[in-house]
Amino acid sequence: MFDLIQYANNPCLAGDGQAYSYAEVQLEADRMGAAVQGRHLVLCLCENSVPSLMGYIALMVQGQVPLLIEAGQQAAAVQALAAAYRPGYVWLDNARSGELADATPVYRFGHYVLLKTALAEAPTVLDAQLQLLLTTSGSTGSSKLVRLSRANLLANAAAITAYLAIRADDVAVTTLPFSYSFGLSIVHTHLLAGAAIQVTTLTPLSREFWELLQQQRVTSLSGVPYTYDMLKRIKFERFELPALRYLSQAGGKMSEQGLAYLQRLSAEKGWPCFVMYGQTEASARMAYLPAAWLERKLGSIGHAIPGGRFELIDADGQLIADPRVPGELVYYGANVALGYASGAADLARGDEWGGRLATGDVAYRDEDGCYYISGRLKRFVKVFGNRVSLDEVEALLQAAYPGCEFVCHGQDDHLRIACAGEAGRDGLLAFVSRQLGLHRSAISCAFIAEIPRLANGKVNYNALNQ
């Protein structure tokens, strides 16, 4: 997957007092490779540590097929996923090795261990193109996975590296979990460019994080909308970060306040800010807004990445040619995944999508060819026969109560609103009822300390429903 030797003497991975060059990472990959016979599915419990990431890179270099999940998943969830997909090996923290019965240690690096399972003797059949499996939501509440090929991953990493102009002297920091497609794309692009990756579990809320960025001369900062909400609260622009070259954002639509903050940062600090759009099903990235366009195209996802293209399709399946007409956004590119999997048998399947991805997002295109996401096809509920867009309700509430954060969910005939912040219940319910023309009996509001989120920063709807 990656030609590490071409960057042999460059710094590759660093963290927790450890540092490894590209040549040293290749040497470790060879050691792991000697412990695995044949090509296997490898279940990886991922955390932002050097051993965890070292093992992932080694598996990719050796042509194995990792299945990535968050290391924080409970034993029952890990065992259920193992039962569904039948991995021959498991890469995890040694402290958890007792959770898997009939598994034998075959390789160790730091506090991580590679376990050979009983299934390795009768391995799961894997399609020749298959290189990686990722969850669709950032959690393993569902066993539905995205099947990605080496060609998908390399095409996307090359496109992102090109438009962000990532260089061999760049240094990235792990602000996102690498089991999440956005976080993983940062790893892939920097490995492709021969750049360095600073691995840490520190968050932007800690002083130590900013000291690390200064000491290691980190050149870019990436995050989801929630990340930038945190940065705005702590006024991170006060920190001296002379090596920082640019900021990037993906993982969901930014609020108007968030975009205004990015615009101000760009103007005051001289940091180019790239707003990006993607899905796991497209190996991470489908569109980006050039930093120079941020002010005049505020709210836009820009245009397709190099090598990709978009279409807009109406409800009758017809191509939309005119500007400002909304329709479903459809993407075409070499980075579109092979398809989904719901169990081990699906891993033998080939390319089912043929480079076309119906995103499920509603968008429109302006006269300059820039795209704007306006909602999700499935982010609707019907209340007493009226179709209600959850995204539009969130936008209405955010504009009316700028000091609060809202998430709308629910089911037909019942709109649920989660509110983090100070707002009067009666006034809020009356506002929504009046704006939507709905009786208050169909609307409920829960006031909570903060919006529950997954490790990748996205809203945890399962927690909200509970």
Protein backbone atom coordinates (compact mmCIF):
# COMPACT_ATOMS: atom_id res chain seq x y z
CA MET A 1 0.00 0.00 0.00
CA PHE A 2 2.79 2.47 0.90
CA ASP A 3 6.37 2.60 -0.38
CA LEU A 4 8.06 3.54 2.88
CA ILE A 5 11.64 2.97 1.77
CA GLN A 6 11.60 5.87 -0.71
CA TYR A 7 11.44 8.14 2.37
CA ALA A 8 13.79 5.96 4.44
CA ASN A 9 15.44 8.66 6.57
CA ASN A 10 12.39 10.91 7.00
CA PRO A 11 10.65 11.04 10.39
CA CYS A 12 7.46 8.94 10.21
CA LEU A 13 5.82 8.27 13.59
CA ALA A 14 6.42 9.97 16.94
CA GLY A 15 4.65 9.97 20.29
CA ASP A 16 5.09 9.21 23.99
CA GLY A 17 8.83 9.73 23.79
CA GLN A 18 9.22 7.37 20.81
CA ALA A 19 10.22 8.31 17.26
CA TYR A 20 10.56 6.14 14.16
CA SER A 21 11.83 6.89 10.67
CA TYR A 22 10.19 5.46 7.55
CA ALA A 23 12.96 2.85 7.36
CA GLU A 24 12.31 1.80 10.96
CA VAL A 25 8.57 1.51 10.31
CA GLN A 26 9.33 -0.67 7.28
CA LEU A 27 11.58 -2.88 9.43
CA GLU A 28 8.76 -3.34 11.95
CA ALA A 29 6.35 -4.11 9.12
CA ASP A 30 8.70 -6.86 7.96
CA ARG A 31 8.79 -8.31 11.48
CA MET A 32 5.01 -8.39 11.71
CA GLY A 33 4.78 -9.83 8.21
CA ALA A 34 7.00 -12.75 9.20
CA ALA A 35 4.49 -13.66 11.92
CA VAL A 36 1.50 -13.93 9.52
CA GLN A 37 1.22 -16.66 6.91
CA GLY A 38 -1.07 -15.87 3.98
CA ARG A 39 -3.55 -13.03 3.50
CA HIS A 40 -6.08 -12.53 6.26
CA LEU A 41 -8.75 -10.28 7.69
CA VAL A 42 -7.29 -8.61 10.81
CA LEU A 43 -9.59 -7.01 13.37
CA CYS A 44 -7.82 -3.91 14.76
CA LEU A 45 -8.85 -2.14 17.97
CA CYS A 46 -7.53 1.34 17.25
CA GLU A 47 -6.31 4.06 19.56
CA ASN A 48 -4.11 7.08 18.93
CA SER A 49 -0.88 5.49 20.15
CA VAL A 50 2.34 4.68 18.29
CA PRO A 51 1.98 0.87 18.76
CA SER A 52 -1.61 0.83 17.49
CA LEU A 53 -0.84 2.95 14.42
CA MET A 54 2.46 1.13 13.77
CA GLY A 55 0.57 -2.16 13.56
CA TYR A 56 -2.01 -0.73 11.17
CA ILE A 57 0.67 0.61 8.82
CA ALA A 58 2.52 -2.71 8.96
CA LEU A 59 -0.63 -4.63 8.04
CA MET A 60 -1.28 -2.34 5.06
CA VAL A 61 2.31 -2.61 3.85
CA GLN A 62 2.11 -6.40 4.07
CA GLY A 63 -1.14 -6.57 2.08
CA GLN A 64 -3.35 -7.78 4.94
CA VAL A 65 -6.96 -6.54 5.24
CA PRO A 66 -7.56 -4.55 8.45
CA LEU A 67 -11.03 -4.03 9.91
CA LEU A 68 -10.82 -0.91 12.06
CA ILE A 69 -12.90 -0.20 15.17
CA GLU A 70 -12.40 2.05 18.18
CA ALA A 71 -10.37 0.48 21.00
CA GLY A 72 -13.01 1.63 23.48
CA GLN A 73 -15.60 -0.83 22.20
CA GLN A 74 -16.93 -3.23 24.82
CA ALA A 75 -15.91 -6.91 24.75
CA ALA A 76 -19.40 -8.02 23.67
CA ALA A 77 -19.33 -5.70 20.62
CA VAL A 78 -15.84 -6.89 19.62
CA GLN A 79 -16.85 -10.53 19.96
CA ALA A 80 -20.02 -9.95 17.92
CA LEU A 81 -18.02 -8.35 15.11
CA ALA A 82 -15.47 -11.18 15.22
CA ALA A 83 -18.29 -13.74 14.99
CA ALA A 84 -19.80 -11.92 11.98
CA TYR A 85 -16.57 -11.45 10.00
CA ARG A 86 -14.30 -14.29 11.21
CA PRO A 87 -10.89 -12.55 11.37
CA GLY A 88 -7.80 -14.73 11.28
CA TYR A 89 -5.90 -12.27 13.49
CA VAL A 90 -6.69 -9.52 16.00
CA TRP A 91 -4.47 -6.48 16.79
CA LEU A 92 -5.28 -5.02 20.21
CA ASP A 93 -4.01 -3.81 23.57
CA ASN A 94 -2.38 -6.73 25.38
CA ALA A 95 -4.54 -5.96 28.43
CA ARG A 96 -7.59 -7.10 26.43
CA SER A 97 -6.11 -10.25 24.93
CA GLY A 98 -8.01 -12.43 27.42
CA GLU A 99 -11.33 -11.38 25.87
CA LEU A 100 -10.77 -13.64 22.84
CA ALA A 101 -10.85 -17.37 23.43
CA ASP A 102 -8.49 -19.75 21.57
CA ALA A 103 -6.20 -16.94 20.40
CA THR A 104 -2.38 -17.18 20.40
CA PRO A 105 0.08 -14.24 20.53
CA VAL A 106 2.39 -14.22 17.49
CA TYR A 107 3.85 -10.69 17.51
CA ARG A 108 4.16 -7.77 19.93
CA PHE A 109 5.01 -4.10 19.65
CA GLY A 110 4.83 -1.94 22.72
CA HIS A 111 1.61 -2.65 24.62
CA TYR A 112 -0.10 -4.07 21.50
CA VAL A 113 -0.22 -7.74 20.55
CA LEU A 114 -1.21 -9.62 17.39
CA LEU A 115 -3.34 -12.65 18.22
CA LYS A 116 -3.80 -15.55 15.83
CA THR A 117 -7.33 -16.93 16.12
CA ALA A 118 -8.53 -20.45 15.42
CA LEU A 119 -10.11 -19.08 12.22
CA ALA A 120 -6.68 -18.43 10.68
CA GLU A 121 -6.48 -22.06 9.61
CA ALA A 122 -9.62 -21.68 7.52
CA PRO A 123 -9.43 -17.99 6.55
CA THR A 124 -12.33 -15.87 5.36
CA VAL A 125 -12.38 -15.62 1.55
CA LEU A 126 -11.30 -12.12 0.55
CA ASP A 127 -11.75 -10.47 -2.84
CA ALA A 128 -8.38 -9.67 -4.45
CA GLN A 129 -9.18 -5.93 -4.54
CA LEU A 130 -10.23 -5.69 -0.89
CA GLN A 131 -7.77 -3.70 1.28
CA LEU A 132 -9.70 -2.20 4.20
CA LEU A 133 -13.00 -2.34 6.10
CA LEU A 134 -14.41 0.66 7.95
CA THR A 135 -17.58 1.17 9.95
CA THR A 136 -20.12 3.56 8.48
CA SER A 137 -20.98 5.47 11.65
CA GLY A 138 -17.93 5.53 13.89
CA SER A 139 -19.46 2.92 16.22
CA THR A 140 -20.06 -0.81 16.01
CA GLY A 141 -23.74 -0.56 16.89
CA SER A 142 -24.23 -1.98 13.39
CA SER A 143 -22.07 -4.63 11.72
CA LYS A 144 -22.48 -2.89 8.34
CA LEU A 145 -19.05 -2.09 6.92
CA VAL A 146 -17.66 -0.27 3.90
CA ARG A 147 -15.41 -2.35 1.63
CA LEU A 148 -12.47 -0.31 0.28
CA SER A 149 -9.81 -1.28 -2.23
CA ARG A 150 -6.17 -0.25 -2.45
CA ALA A 151 -7.03 1.73 -5.60
CA ASN A 152 -9.82 3.59 -3.73
CA LEU A 153 -7.49 4.59 -0.90
CA LEU A 154 -4.56 5.60 -3.08
CA ALA A 155 -6.75 7.66 -5.45
CA ASN A 156 -8.25 9.60 -2.55
CA ALA A 157 -4.96 10.10 -0.72
CA ALA A 158 -3.30 11.36 -3.92
CA ALA A 159 -6.13 13.83 -4.60
CA ILE A 160 -6.10 15.21 -1.04
CA THR A 161 -2.31 15.44 -1.01
CA ALA A 162 -2.48 17.46 -4.23
CA TYR A 163 -5.07 20.07 -3.23
CA LEU A 164 -3.67 20.53 0.29
CA ALA A 165 -0.12 20.59 -1.13
CA ILE A 166 1.14 18.23 1.59
CA ARG A 167 4.95 18.09 1.63
CA ALA A 168 7.58 15.74 3.03
CA ASP A 169 8.51 18.34 5.68
CA ASP A 170 4.93 18.58 7.00
CA VAL A 171 3.94 17.30 10.45
CA ALA A 172 0.36 16.20 11.18
CA VAL A 173 -1.17 15.58 14.61
CA THR A 174 -3.82 12.98 15.46
CA THR A 175 -6.73 15.17 16.51
CA LEU A 176 -9.18 12.49 15.29
CA PRO A 177 -9.31 8.70 15.77
CA PHE A 178 -7.72 6.87 12.84
CA SER A 179 -10.52 4.29 12.85
CA TYR A 180 -12.65 7.15 11.47
CA SER A 181 -12.25 7.78 7.73
CA PHE A 182 -11.35 11.48 8.13
CA GLY A 183 -8.68 10.72 10.73
CA LEU A 184 -7.39 7.85 8.60
CA SER A 185 -7.15 10.06 5.51
CA ILE A 186 -4.73 12.32 7.41
CA VAL A 187 -2.53 9.28 8.11
CA HIS A 188 -2.68 8.08 4.49
CA THR A 189 -1.92 11.45 2.90
CA HIS A 190 1.09 12.10 5.10
CA LEU A 191 2.49 8.61 4.52
CA LEU A 192 2.04 9.11 0.77
CA ALA A 193 3.98 12.39 0.94
CA GLY A 194 6.74 11.10 3.23
CA ALA A 195 5.61 13.49 5.99
CA ALA A 196 5.61 12.96 9.77
CA ILE A 197 2.70 12.04 12.05
CA GLN A 198 2.69 13.13 15.68
CA VAL A 199 0.55 10.61 17.57
CA THR A 200 -1.25 11.75 20.71
CA THR A 201 -4.40 11.24 22.74
CA LEU A 202 -4.21 14.81 24.05
CA THR A 203 -7.15 17.03 23.12
CA PRO A 204 -7.21 20.73 22.19
CA LEU A 205 -8.70 21.42 25.63
CA SER A 206 -5.37 20.65 27.33
CA ARG A 207 -2.41 23.02 27.57
CA GLU A 208 -0.09 20.05 26.90
CA PHE A 209 -1.63 19.65 23.44
CA TRP A 210 -0.60 23.16 22.41
CA GLU A 211 2.85 22.73 23.91
CA LEU A 212 3.21 19.56 21.82
CA LEU A 213 2.21 21.43 18.64
CA GLN A 214 4.83 24.08 19.37
CA GLN A 215 7.60 21.63 20.24
CA GLN A 216 6.99 19.32 17.27
CA ARG A 217 6.35 22.18 14.84
CA VAL A 218 3.02 20.76 13.67
CA THR A 219 2.08 22.23 10.29
CA SER A 220 -1.65 21.50 10.03
CA LEU A 221 -4.70 21.14 12.23
CA SER A 222 -7.76 19.16 11.15
CA GLY A 223 -11.13 18.73 12.79
CA VAL A 224 -14.86 18.21 12.58
CA PRO A 225 -17.31 21.06 13.35
CA TYR A 226 -17.26 20.10 17.05
CA THR A 227 -13.46 20.45 17.08
CA TYR A 228 -13.71 24.04 15.89
CA ASP A 229 -16.46 24.78 18.40
CA MET A 230 -13.96 23.76 21.10
CA LEU A 231 -11.19 25.84 19.52
CA LYS A 232 -13.46 28.88 19.41
CA ARG A 233 -14.31 28.49 23.11
CA ILE A 234 -10.66 28.41 24.16
CA LYS A 235 -9.65 31.15 21.68
CA PHE A 236 -6.86 28.99 20.30
CA GLU A 237 -5.72 31.78 17.98
CA ARG A 238 -3.93 33.24 21.03
CA PHE A 239 -1.38 30.40 20.95
CA GLU A 240 1.91 30.94 19.14
CA LEU A 241 2.03 28.34 16.37
CA PRO A 242 4.65 29.60 13.92
CA ALA A 243 4.89 26.31 11.99
CA LEU A 244 1.13 26.00 11.32
CA ARG A 245 0.46 26.21 7.56
CA TYR A 246 -3.26 25.50 7.20
CA LEU A 247 -6.50 24.30 8.81
CA SER A 248 -8.94 21.78 7.39
CA GLN A 249 -12.51 20.86 8.33
CA ALA A 250 -14.74 17.96 7.33
CA GLY A 251 -17.05 15.48 9.07
CA GLY A 252 -20.27 17.49 8.84
CA LYS A 253 -21.72 20.86 7.96
CA MET A 254 -20.34 23.82 9.89
CA SER A 255 -22.74 26.30 11.47
CA GLU A 256 -22.77 29.88 10.19
CA GLN A 257 -21.00 30.95 13.38
CA GLY A 258 -18.36 28.25 12.88
CA LEU A 259 -17.70 29.28 9.29
CA ALA A 260 -17.46 32.93 10.31
CA TYR A 261 -14.87 31.91 12.90
CA LEU A 262 -12.82 30.04 10.27
CA GLN A 263 -13.02 33.06 8.00
CA ARG A 264 -11.78 35.33 10.80
CA LEU A 265 -8.93 32.95 11.63
CA SER A 266 -7.87 32.89 8.00
CA ALA A 267 -7.92 36.68 7.72
CA GLU A 268 -6.23 37.47 11.05
CA LYS A 269 -3.67 34.68 11.27
CA GLY A 270 -2.96 34.05 7.60
CA TRP A 271 -3.89 30.37 7.90
CA PRO A 272 -5.60 29.02 4.78
CA CYS A 273 -8.79 27.18 5.85
CA PHE A 274 -10.04 24.31 3.70
CA VAL A 275 -13.68 23.24 4.12
CA MET A 276 -14.11 19.69 2.84
CA TYR A 277 -16.90 17.20 2.25
CA GLY A 278 -16.86 13.44 2.16
CA GLN A 279 -18.17 10.08 3.32
CA THR A 280 -16.54 6.82 4.34
CA GLU A 281 -18.09 5.30 1.20
CA ALA A 282 -15.79 7.56 -0.86
CA SER A 283 -12.62 6.66 1.06
CA ALA A 284 -13.08 9.96 2.92
CA ARG A 285 -13.15 12.94 0.56
CA MET A 286 -15.31 14.03 -2.38
CA ALA A 287 -15.13 17.83 -2.42
CA TYR A 288 -13.18 20.78 -1.08
CA LEU A 289 -13.54 24.55 -1.07
CA PRO A 290 -10.26 26.26 -1.98
CA ALA A 291 -9.14 28.41 0.95
CA ALA A 292 -9.14 31.55 -1.19
CA TRP A 293 -12.86 31.09 -1.84
CA LEU A 294 -13.93 30.81 1.81
CA GLU A 295 -15.21 34.37 2.17
CA ARG A 296 -17.18 34.65 -1.07
CA LYS A 297 -18.50 31.07 -1.01
CA LEU A 298 -19.25 30.79 2.70
CA GLY A 299 -21.27 27.62 3.34
CA SER A 300 -20.20 25.88 0.12
CA ILE A 301 -18.39 22.53 -0.10
CA GLY A 302 -16.74 23.82 -3.28
CA HIS A 303 -16.21 21.41 -6.15
CA ALA A 304 -15.19 17.79 -6.63
CA ILE A 305 -11.67 16.69 -5.74
CA PRO A 306 -9.15 16.08 -8.55
CA GLY A 307 -10.30 13.05 -10.53
CA GLY A 308 -13.91 13.22 -9.31
CA ARG A 309 -17.14 14.79 -10.52
CA PHE A 310 -20.67 15.50 -9.29
CA GLU A 311 -24.18 15.29 -10.71
CA LEU A 312 -27.49 16.43 -9.25
CA ILE A 313 -30.48 14.14 -9.75
CA ASP A 314 -34.14 15.09 -9.25
CA ALA A 315 -36.90 12.96 -7.69
CA ASP A 316 -37.62 11.37 -11.10
CA GLY A 317 -34.00 10.35 -11.59
CA GLN A 318 -33.38 13.08 -14.18
CA LEU A 319 -30.18 15.12 -14.40
CA ILE A 320 -30.48 18.70 -13.09
CA ALA A 321 -28.66 21.13 -15.37
CA ASP A 322 -29.82 24.51 -14.01
CA PRO A 323 -28.16 26.31 -11.09
CA ARG A 324 -29.89 26.76 -7.72
CA VAL A 325 -32.13 23.68 -8.24
CA PRO A 326 -31.80 21.14 -5.40
CA GLY A 327 -31.47 17.42 -5.95
CA GLU A 328 -29.62 14.39 -4.69
CA LEU A 329 -25.85 14.75 -4.95
CA VAL A 330 -24.23 11.87 -6.86
CA TYR A 331 -20.45 11.46 -6.98
CA TYR A 332 -18.25 9.65 -9.52
CA GLY A 333 -14.61 8.81 -8.88
CA ALA A 334 -11.93 6.14 -8.45
CA ASN A 335 -12.21 6.57 -4.67
CA VAL A 336 -15.79 5.21 -4.48
CA ALA A 337 -15.84 2.03 -2.39
CA LEU A 338 -16.52 -1.46 -3.69
CA GLY A 339 -19.75 -1.72 -1.67
CA TYR A 340 -21.05 -2.67 1.78
CA ALA A 341 -20.61 -5.82 3.82
CA SER A 342 -22.84 -7.22 6.55
CA GLY A 343 -20.94 -10.46 7.17
CA ALA A 344 -17.95 -12.59 6.21
CA ALA A 345 -19.54 -13.90 3.00
CA ASP A 346 -19.68 -10.37 1.56
CA LEU A 347 -15.89 -10.01 1.70
CA ALA A 348 -15.54 -12.22 -1.38
CA ARG A 349 -17.68 -9.83 -3.43
CA GLY A 350 -16.08 -7.56 -6.02
CA ASP A 351 -16.85 -3.98 -7.06
CA GLU A 352 -20.63 -3.48 -6.89
CA TRP A 353 -20.76 0.33 -7.15
CA GLY A 354 -18.60 0.90 -10.23
CA GLY A 355 -17.27 4.27 -9.12
CA ARG A 356 -20.73 5.83 -8.54
CA LEU A 357 -21.99 6.93 -5.12
CA ALA A 358 -25.47 8.30 -4.45
CA THR A 359 -24.61 10.34 -1.36
CA GLY A 360 -28.10 10.68 0.13
CA ASP A 361 -27.40 14.41 0.52
CA VAL A 362 -29.58 17.10 -1.00
CA ALA A 363 -27.54 19.86 -2.65
CA TYR A 364 -27.62 22.58 -5.27
CA ARG A 365 -24.99 24.14 -7.52
CA ASP A 366 -24.44 27.87 -7.99
CA GLU A 367 -23.60 29.68 -11.22
CA ASP A 368 -19.85 29.20 -10.62
CA GLY A 369 -20.15 25.44 -10.21
CA CYS A 370 -19.81 25.41 -6.43
CA TYR A 371 -22.02 23.00 -4.49
CA TYR A 372 -24.00 23.61 -1.28
CA ILE A 373 -25.44 20.87 0.94
CA SER A 374 -28.97 21.72 2.06
CA GLY A 375 -30.03 18.53 3.86
CA ARG A 376 -30.26 14.75 3.91
CA LEU A 377 -32.80 12.75 1.93
CA LYS A 378 -33.57 10.66 5.01
CA ARG A 379 -33.36 13.47 7.58
CA PHE A 380 -37.13 13.91 7.54
CA VAL A 381 -40.05 12.90 9.70
CA LYS A 382 -43.73 13.11 8.83
CA VAL A 383 -45.76 14.84 11.52
CA PHE A 384 -49.52 14.57 11.04
CA GLY A 385 -48.87 14.17 7.30
CA ASN A 386 -46.49 17.14 7.07
CA ARG A 387 -42.93 16.40 5.88
CA VAL A 388 -40.51 18.07 8.31
CA SER A 389 -36.81 18.49 7.51
CA LEU A 390 -34.79 17.91 10.67
CA ASP A 391 -31.88 19.89 9.22
CA GLU A 392 -34.10 22.90 8.53
CA VAL A 393 -35.55 22.81 12.06
CA GLU A 394 -32.02 22.71 13.51
CA ALA A 395 -31.05 25.71 11.36
CA LEU A 396 -34.15 27.65 12.48
CA LEU A 397 -33.41 26.96 16.14
CA GLN A 398 -29.72 27.78 15.82
CA ALA A 399 -30.55 31.16 14.28
CA ALA A 400 -33.15 31.95 16.95
CA TYR A 401 -31.06 30.72 19.91
CA PRO A 402 -27.39 31.30 18.89
CA GLY A 403 -26.10 30.52 22.39
CA CYS A 404 -27.48 26.96 22.32
CA GLU A 405 -26.73 23.79 20.41
CA PHE A 406 -29.58 21.73 18.94
CA VAL A 407 -30.04 18.27 17.49
CA CYS A 408 -33.39 17.18 16.05
CA HIS A 409 -34.44 13.55 15.73
CA GLY A 410 -37.57 11.47 16.24
CA GLN A 411 -40.03 9.46 14.22
CA ASP A 412 -43.28 10.04 12.35
CA ASP A 413 -45.77 12.14 14.36
CA HIS A 414 -43.14 12.98 16.99
CA LEU A 415 -40.40 15.59 16.58
CA ARG A 416 -37.76 15.43 19.31
CA ILE A 417 -35.39 18.31 20.04
CA ALA A 418 -32.26 18.00 22.18
CA CYS A 419 -30.99 21.34 23.47
CA ALA A 420 -27.67 22.05 25.16
CA GLY A 421 -27.79 25.56 26.58
CA GLU A 422 -30.08 28.06 28.26
CA ALA A 423 -33.50 28.38 26.62
CA GLY A 424 -37.01 28.55 28.02
CA ARG A 425 -38.92 25.36 27.29
CA ASP A 426 -42.30 27.02 26.74
CA GLY A 427 -40.88 29.72 24.49
CA LEU A 428 -38.86 27.24 22.48
CA LEU A 429 -41.81 24.87 21.95
CA ALA A 430 -44.06 27.79 21.01
CA PHE A 431 -41.46 29.01 18.49
CA VAL A 432 -41.17 25.61 16.80
CA SER A 433 -44.92 25.09 16.81
CA ARG A 434 -45.50 28.47 15.22
CA GLN A 435 -42.72 28.15 12.63
CA LEU A 436 -43.76 24.66 11.50
CA GLY A 437 -47.50 25.01 11.94
CA LEU A 438 -47.59 21.92 14.19
CA HIS A 439 -49.49 21.27 17.39
CA ARG A 440 -47.24 21.29 20.46
CA SER A 441 -48.33 17.75 21.36
CA ALA A 442 -46.17 16.48 18.47
CA ILE A 443 -43.01 18.20 19.75
CA SER A 444 -40.88 17.39 22.77
CA CYS A 445 -37.68 18.97 24.00
CA ALA A 446 -34.97 17.54 26.24
CA PHE A 447 -32.50 19.92 27.90
CA ILE A 448 -29.12 18.26 28.39
CA ALA A 449 -25.68 19.38 29.58
CA GLU A 450 -24.04 18.61 26.25
CA ILE A 451 -24.81 16.86 22.96
CA PRO A 452 -23.54 13.24 23.15
CA ARG A 453 -20.96 12.51 20.49
CA LEU A 454 -19.04 9.58 19.07
CA ALA A 455 -15.24 9.51 19.09
CA ASN A 456 -15.23 11.10 15.62
CA GLY A 457 -17.19 14.13 16.87
CA LYS A 458 -20.47 13.21 15.19
CA VAL A 459 -23.76 13.14 17.09
CA ASN A 460 -24.45 9.88 18.95
CA TYR A 461 -28.10 9.38 18.03
CA ASN A 462 -28.30 6.08 19.93
CA ALA A 463 -27.44 7.92 23.16
CA LEU A 464 -29.99 10.64 22.37
CA ASN A 465 -32.71 8.07 21.78
CA GLN A 466 -31.96 6.45 25.13
